[in-house]
PDB file of N, CA and C in Angstrom:
ATOM      1  N   UNK A   1     -11.239 -13.543  -8.099  1.00  0.00           N
ATOM      2  CA  UNK A   1      -9.831 -13.633  -7.776  1.00  0.00           C
ATOM      3  C   UNK A   1      -9.645 -14.735  -6.738  1.00  0.00           C
ATOM      4  N   UNK A   2      -8.582 -15.494  -6.855  1.00  0.00           N
ATOM      5  CA  UNK A   2      -8.336 -16.606  -5.941  1.00  0.00           C
ATOM      6  C   UNK A   2      -7.811 -16.111  -4.600  1.00  0.00           C
ATOM      7  N   UNK A   3      -7.869 -16.975  -3.630  1.00  0.00           N
ATOM      8  CA  UNK A   3      -7.367 -16.634  -2.297  1.00  0.00           C
ATOM      9  C   UNK A   3      -5.873 -16.357  -2.365  1.00  0.00           C
ATOM     10  N   UNK A   4      -5.156 -17.138  -3.144  1.00  0.00           N
ATOM     11  CA  UNK A   4      -3.709 -16.935  -3.283  1.00  0.00           C
ATOM     12  C   UNK A   4      -3.413 -15.565  -3.890  1.00  0.00           C
ATOM     13  N   UNK A   5      -4.155 -15.179  -4.892  1.00  0.00           N
ATOM     14  CA  UNK A   5      -3.970 -13.868  -5.515  1.00  0.00           C
ATOM     15  C   UNK A   5      -4.295 -12.748  -4.523  1.00  0.00           C
ATOM     16  N   UNK A   6      -5.330 -12.956  -3.704  1.00  0.00           N
ATOM     17  CA  UNK A   6      -5.680 -11.960  -2.687  1.00  0.00           C
ATOM     18  C   UNK A   6      -4.559 -11.793  -1.668  1.00  0.00           C
ATOM     19  N   UNK A   7      -3.941 -12.896  -1.290  1.00  0.00           N
ATOM     20  CA  UNK A   7      -2.836 -12.843  -0.327  1.00  0.00           C
ATOM     21  C   UNK A   7      -1.656 -12.077  -0.924  1.00  0.00           C
ATOM     22  N   UNK A   8      -1.325 -12.377  -2.153  1.00  0.00           N
ATOM     23  CA  UNK A   8      -0.224 -11.683  -2.826  1.00  0.00           C
ATOM     24  C   UNK A   8      -0.535 -10.204  -2.947  1.00  0.00           C
ATOM     25  N   UNK A   9      -1.763  -9.898  -3.324  1.00  0.00           N
ATOM     26  CA  UNK A   9      -2.172  -8.501  -3.456  1.00  0.00           C
ATOM     27  C   UNK A   9      -2.071  -7.770  -2.116  1.00  0.00           C
ATOM     28  N   UNK A  10      -2.494  -8.411  -1.039  1.00  0.00           N
ATOM     29  CA  UNK A  10      -2.395  -7.810   0.294  1.00  0.00           C
ATOM     30  C   UNK A  10      -0.937  -7.562   0.675  1.00  0.00           C
ATOM     31  N   UNK A  11      -0.054  -8.495   0.334  1.00  0.00           N
ATOM     32  CA  UNK A  11       1.371  -8.325   0.626  1.00  0.00           C
ATOM     33  C   UNK A  11       1.956  -7.150  -0.152  1.00  0.00           C
ATOM     34  N   UNK A  12       1.546  -7.000  -1.404  1.00  0.00           N
ATOM     35  CA  UNK A  12       2.011  -5.869  -2.216  1.00  0.00           C
ATOM     36  C   UNK A  12       1.530  -4.561  -1.610  1.00  0.00           C
ATOM     37  N   UNK A  13       0.274  -4.526  -1.191  1.00  0.00           N
ATOM     38  CA  UNK A  13      -0.285  -3.314  -0.591  1.00  0.00           C
ATOM     39  C   UNK A  13       0.484  -2.952   0.679  1.00  0.00           C
ATOM     40  N   UNK A  14       0.792  -3.932   1.501  1.00  0.00           N
ATOM     41  CA  UNK A  14       1.553  -3.666   2.729  1.00  0.00           C
ATOM     42  C   UNK A  14       2.914  -3.069   2.395  1.00  0.00           C
ATOM     43  N   UNK A  15       3.592  -3.615   1.404  1.00  0.00           N
ATOM     44  CA  UNK A  15       4.903  -3.090   1.008  1.00  0.00           C
ATOM     45  C   UNK A  15       4.793  -1.676   0.441  1.00  0.00           C
ATOM     46  N   UNK A  16       3.748  -1.419  -0.329  1.00  0.00           N
ATOM     47  CA  UNK A  16       3.540  -0.079  -0.888  1.00  0.00           C
ATOM     48  C   UNK A  16       3.304   0.924   0.237  1.00  0.00           C
ATOM     49  N   UNK A  17       2.487   0.546   1.212  1.00  0.00           N
ATOM     50  CA  UNK A  17       2.219   1.440   2.338  1.00  0.00           C
ATOM     51  C   UNK A  17       3.499   1.711   3.127  1.00  0.00           C
ATOM     52  N   UNK A  18       4.307   0.702   3.311  1.00  0.00           N
ATOM     53  CA  UNK A  18       5.598   0.906   4.000  1.00  0.00           C
ATOM     54  C   UNK A  18       6.480   1.876   3.218  1.00  0.00           C
ATOM     55  N   UNK A  19       6.518   1.705   1.907  1.00  0.00           N
ATOM     56  CA  UNK A  19       7.345   2.583   1.075  1.00  0.00           C
ATOM     57  C   UNK A  19       6.834   4.022   1.133  1.00  0.00           C
ATOM     58  N   UNK A  20       5.525   4.199   1.114  1.00  0.00           N
ATOM     59  CA  UNK A  20       4.937   5.533   1.218  1.00  0.00           C
ATOM     60  C   UNK A  20       5.330   6.169   2.549  1.00  0.00           C
ATOM     61  N   UNK A  21       5.285   5.396   3.636  1.00  0.00           N
ATOM     62  CA  UNK A  21       5.667   5.915   4.951  1.00  0.00           C
ATOM     63  C   UNK A  21       7.127   6.357   4.969  1.00  0.00           C
ATOM     64  N   UNK A  22       8.003   5.563   4.350  1.00  0.00           N
ATOM     65  CA  UNK A  22       9.424   5.917   4.288  1.00  0.00           C
ATOM     66  C   UNK A  22       9.610   7.201   3.479  1.00  0.00           C
ATOM     67  N   UNK A  23       8.947   7.287   2.347  1.00  0.00           N
ATOM     68  CA  UNK A  23       9.062   8.494   1.520  1.00  0.00           C
ATOM     69  C   UNK A  23       8.554   9.722   2.267  1.00  0.00           C
ATOM     70  N   UNK A  24       7.479   9.574   3.012  1.00  0.00           N
ATOM     71  CA  UNK A  24       6.963  10.693   3.808  1.00  0.00           C
ATOM     72  C   UNK A  24       7.961  11.104   4.885  1.00  0.00           C
ATOM     73  N   UNK A  25       8.597  10.147   5.529  1.00  0.00           N
ATOM     74  CA  UNK A  25       9.603  10.462   6.543  1.00  0.00           C
ATOM     75  C   UNK A  25      10.792  11.200   5.940  1.00  0.00           C
ATOM     76  N   UNK A  26      11.103  10.867   4.699  1.00  0.00           N
ATOM     77  CA  UNK A  26      12.209  11.525   4.001  1.00  0.00           C
ATOM     78  C   UNK A  26      11.771  12.854   3.380  1.00  0.00           C
ATOM     79  N   UNK A  27      10.514  13.207   3.583  1.00  0.00           N
ATOM     80  CA  UNK A  27       9.901  14.406   3.028  1.00  0.00           C
ATOM     81  C   UNK A  27       9.957  14.428   1.501  1.00  0.00           C
ATOM     82  N   UNK A  28       9.815  13.256   0.911  1.00  0.00           N
ATOM     83  CA  UNK A  28       9.750  13.123  -0.550  1.00  0.00           C
ATOM     84  C   UNK A  28       8.282  12.956  -0.919  1.00  0.00           C
ATOM     85  N   UNK A  29       7.536  14.040  -0.722  1.00  0.00           N
ATOM     86  CA  UNK A  29       6.090  13.993  -0.840  1.00  0.00           C
ATOM     87  C   UNK A  29       5.608  13.779  -2.274  1.00  0.00           C
ATOM     88  N   UNK A  30       6.329  14.284  -3.250  1.00  0.00           N
ATOM     89  CA  UNK A  30       5.919  14.064  -4.639  1.00  0.00           C
ATOM     90  C   UNK A  30       6.020  12.581  -5.002  1.00  0.00           C
ATOM     91  N   UNK A  31       7.094  11.937  -4.572  1.00  0.00           N
ATOM     92  CA  UNK A  31       7.257  10.500  -4.832  1.00  0.00           C
ATOM     93  C   UNK A  31       6.198   9.696  -4.080  1.00  0.00           C
ATOM     94  N   UNK A  32       5.935  10.098  -2.845  1.00  0.00           N
ATOM     95  CA  UNK A  32       4.908   9.437  -2.042  1.00  0.00           C
ATOM     96  C   UNK A  32       3.543   9.554  -2.709  1.00  0.00           C
ATOM     97  N   UNK A  33       3.228  10.734  -3.172  1.00  0.00           N
ATOM     98  CA  UNK A  33       1.945  10.965  -3.846  1.00  0.00           C
ATOM     99  C   UNK A  33       1.854  10.135  -5.123  1.00  0.00           C
ATOM    100  N   UNK A  34       2.942  10.103  -5.892  1.00  0.00           N
ATOM    101  CA  UNK A  34       2.945   9.337  -7.141  1.00  0.00           C
ATOM    102  C   UNK A  34       2.689   7.848  -6.867  1.00  0.00           C
ATOM    103  N   UNK A  35       3.316   7.333  -5.837  1.00  0.00           N
ATOM    104  CA  UNK A  35       3.114   5.927  -5.485  1.00  0.00           C
ATOM    105  C   UNK A  35       1.677   5.685  -5.018  1.00  0.00           C
ATOM    106  N   UNK A  36       1.158   6.617  -4.249  1.00  0.00           N
ATOM    107  CA  UNK A  36      -0.225   6.517  -3.797  1.00  0.00           C
ATOM    108  C   UNK A  36      -1.177   6.494  -4.987  1.00  0.00           C
ATOM    109  N   UNK A  37      -0.941   7.345  -5.961  1.00  0.00           N
ATOM    110  CA  UNK A  37      -1.809   7.388  -7.136  1.00  0.00           C
ATOM    111  C   UNK A  37      -1.667   6.134  -7.990  1.00  0.00           C
ATOM    112  N   UNK A  38      -0.454   5.618  -8.087  1.00  0.00           N
ATOM    113  CA  UNK A  38      -0.217   4.412  -8.884  1.00  0.00           C
ATOM    114  C   UNK A  38      -0.995   3.210  -8.322  1.00  0.00           C
ATOM    115  N   UNK A  39      -1.081   3.130  -6.999  1.00  0.00           N
ATOM    116  CA  UNK A  39      -1.718   1.984  -6.350  1.00  0.00           C
ATOM    117  C   UNK A  39      -3.040   2.343  -5.688  1.00  0.00           C
ATOM    118  N   UNK A  40      -3.646   3.463  -6.051  1.00  0.00           N
ATOM    119  CA  UNK A  40      -4.856   3.925  -5.357  1.00  0.00           C
ATOM    120  C   UNK A  40      -5.991   2.914  -5.379  1.00  0.00           C
ATOM    121  N   UNK A  41      -6.182   2.222  -6.485  1.00  0.00           N
ATOM    122  CA  UNK A  41      -7.270   1.242  -6.542  1.00  0.00           C
ATOM    123  C   UNK A  41      -7.026   0.092  -5.571  1.00  0.00           C
ATOM    124  N   UNK A  42      -5.795  -0.344  -5.472  1.00  0.00           N
ATOM    125  CA  UNK A  42      -5.478  -1.421  -4.545  1.00  0.00           C
ATOM    126  C   UNK A  42      -5.547  -0.935  -3.107  1.00  0.00           C
ATOM    127  N   UNK A  43      -5.058   0.275  -2.849  1.00  0.00           N
ATOM    128  CA  UNK A  43      -5.052   0.811  -1.488  1.00  0.00           C
ATOM    129  C   UNK A  43      -6.459   1.021  -0.954  1.00  0.00           C
ATOM    130  N   UNK A  44      -7.393   1.302  -1.834  1.00  0.00           N
ATOM    131  CA  UNK A  44      -8.769   1.568  -1.419  1.00  0.00           C
ATOM    132  C   UNK A  44      -9.684   0.357  -1.562  1.00  0.00           C
ATOM    133  N   UNK A  45      -9.152  -0.763  -1.964  1.00  0.00           N
ATOM    134  CA  UNK A  45      -9.956  -1.968  -2.178  1.00  0.00           C
ATOM    135  C   UNK A  45     -10.537  -2.463  -0.857  1.00  0.00           C
ATOM    136  N   UNK A  46     -11.857  -2.529  -0.745  1.00  0.00           N
ATOM    137  CA  UNK A  46     -12.467  -2.966   0.522  1.00  0.00           C
ATOM    138  C   UNK A  46     -12.261  -4.450   0.828  1.00  0.00           C
ATOM    139  N   UNK A  47     -11.850  -5.238  -0.148  1.00  0.00           N
ATOM    140  CA  UNK A  47     -11.617  -6.668   0.088  1.00  0.00           C
ATOM    141  C   UNK A  47     -10.354  -6.919   0.899  1.00  0.00           C
ATOM    142  N   UNK A  48      -9.455  -5.934   0.922  1.00  0.00           N
ATOM    143  CA  UNK A  48      -8.231  -6.080   1.702  1.00  0.00           C
ATOM    144  C   UNK A  48      -8.530  -5.580   3.110  1.00  0.00           C
ATOM    145  N   UNK A  49      -8.262  -6.395   4.096  1.00  0.00           N
ATOM    146  CA  UNK A  49      -8.619  -6.082   5.475  1.00  0.00           C
ATOM    147  C   UNK A  49      -7.924  -4.806   5.950  1.00  0.00           C
ATOM    148  N   UNK A  50      -8.648  -3.898   6.605  1.00  0.00           N
ATOM    149  CA  UNK A  50      -8.054  -2.661   7.120  1.00  0.00           C
ATOM    150  C   UNK A  50      -6.881  -2.913   8.069  1.00  0.00           C
ATOM    151  N   UNK A  51      -6.915  -3.962   8.852  1.00  0.00           N
ATOM    152  CA  UNK A  51      -5.829  -4.225   9.789  1.00  0.00           C
ATOM    153  C   UNK A  51      -4.515  -4.508   9.069  1.00  0.00           C
ATOM    154  N   UNK A  52      -4.578  -4.996   7.836  1.00  0.00           N
ATOM    155  CA  UNK A  52      -3.359  -5.282   7.094  1.00  0.00           C
ATOM    156  C   UNK A  52      -2.790  -4.051   6.411  1.00  0.00           C
ATOM    157  N   UNK A  53      -3.491  -2.934   6.496  1.00  0.00           N
ATOM    158  CA  UNK A  53      -3.040  -1.709   5.845  1.00  0.00           C
ATOM    159  C   UNK A  53      -2.127  -0.876   6.714  1.00  0.00           C
ATOM    160  N   UNK A  54      -1.924  -1.247   7.947  1.00  0.00           N
ATOM    161  CA  UNK A  54      -1.111  -0.444   8.851  1.00  0.00           C
ATOM    162  C   UNK A  54       0.365  -0.739   8.599  1.00  0.00           C
ATOM    163  N   UNK A  55       1.078   0.270   8.148  1.00  0.00           N
ATOM    164  CA  UNK A  55       2.493   0.102   7.835  1.00  0.00           C
ATOM    165  C   UNK A  55       3.336   0.298   9.088  1.00  0.00           C
ATOM    166  N   UNK A  56       4.390  -0.459   9.168  1.00  0.00           N
ATOM    167  CA  UNK A  56       5.341  -0.314  10.264  1.00  0.00           C
ATOM    168  C   UNK A  56       6.708  -0.096   9.641  1.00  0.00           C
ATOM    169  N   UNK A  57       7.143   1.172   9.524  1.00  0.00           N
ATOM    170  CA  UNK A  57       8.414   1.464   8.861  1.00  0.00           C
ATOM    171  C   UNK A  57       9.610   0.904   9.594  1.00  0.00           C
TER     172      UNK A  57
END
Protein backbone atom coordinates (compact mmCIF):
# COMPACT_ATOMS: atom_id res chain seq x y z
CA UNK A 1 0.00 0.00 0.00
CA UNK A 2 1.31 3.47 -0.83
CA UNK A 3 2.04 6.17 1.70
CA UNK A 4 -0.83 8.23 0.31
CA UNK A 5 -3.24 5.33 0.76
CA UNK A 6 -1.97 4.83 4.33
CA UNK A 7 -2.62 8.49 5.11
CA UNK A 8 -6.15 8.30 3.72
CA UNK A 9 -6.78 5.10 5.64
CA UNK A 10 -5.54 6.70 8.87
CA UNK A 11 -7.86 9.68 8.30
CA UNK A 12 -10.82 7.34 7.78
CA UNK A 13 -9.96 5.46 10.97
CA UNK A 14 -9.80 8.72 12.93
CA UNK A 15 -13.23 9.74 11.64
CA UNK A 16 -14.68 6.31 12.43
CA UNK A 17 -13.32 6.48 15.98
CA UNK A 18 -14.82 9.95 16.41
CA UNK A 19 -18.18 8.69 15.17
CA UNK A 20 -18.04 5.72 17.55
CA UNK A 21 -17.33 8.10 20.45
CA UNK A 22 -20.32 10.27 19.50
CA UNK A 23 -22.60 7.24 19.24
CA UNK A 24 -21.42 6.03 22.65
CA UNK A 25 -22.14 9.45 24.17
CA UNK A 26 -25.62 9.28 22.69
CA UNK A 27 -25.95 5.79 24.19
CA UNK A 28 -26.52 4.31 20.73
CA UNK A 29 -24.46 1.26 21.56
CA UNK A 30 -25.86 -1.01 18.84
CA UNK A 31 -24.90 1.51 16.15
CA UNK A 32 -21.50 1.99 17.78
CA UNK A 33 -20.92 -1.75 17.85
CA UNK A 34 -22.01 -2.12 14.22
CA UNK A 35 -19.56 0.56 13.14
CA UNK A 36 -16.81 -1.04 15.19
CA UNK A 37 -17.45 -4.39 13.52
CA UNK A 38 -17.61 -2.85 10.05
CA UNK A 39 -14.16 -1.28 10.47
CA UNK A 40 -12.59 -3.78 12.89
CA UNK A 41 -9.78 -4.77 10.53
CA UNK A 42 -8.80 -1.16 9.99
CA UNK A 43 -9.17 -0.25 13.67
CA UNK A 44 -6.87 -3.09 14.69
CA UNK A 45 -4.31 -2.60 11.92
CA UNK A 46 -0.86 -2.31 13.55
CA UNK A 47 0.44 -0.19 10.65
CA UNK A 48 -1.72 2.71 11.79
CA UNK A 49 0.03 4.55 14.61
CA UNK A 50 -1.67 4.19 18.03
CA UNK A 51 -1.36 7.94 18.66
CA UNK A 52 -3.61 8.62 15.67
CA UNK A 53 -6.35 6.41 17.10
CA UNK A 54 -7.29 8.77 19.91
CA UNK A 55 -10.61 10.38 19.08
CA UNK A 56 -11.50 13.86 20.22
CA UNK A 57 -15.29 14.29 19.99
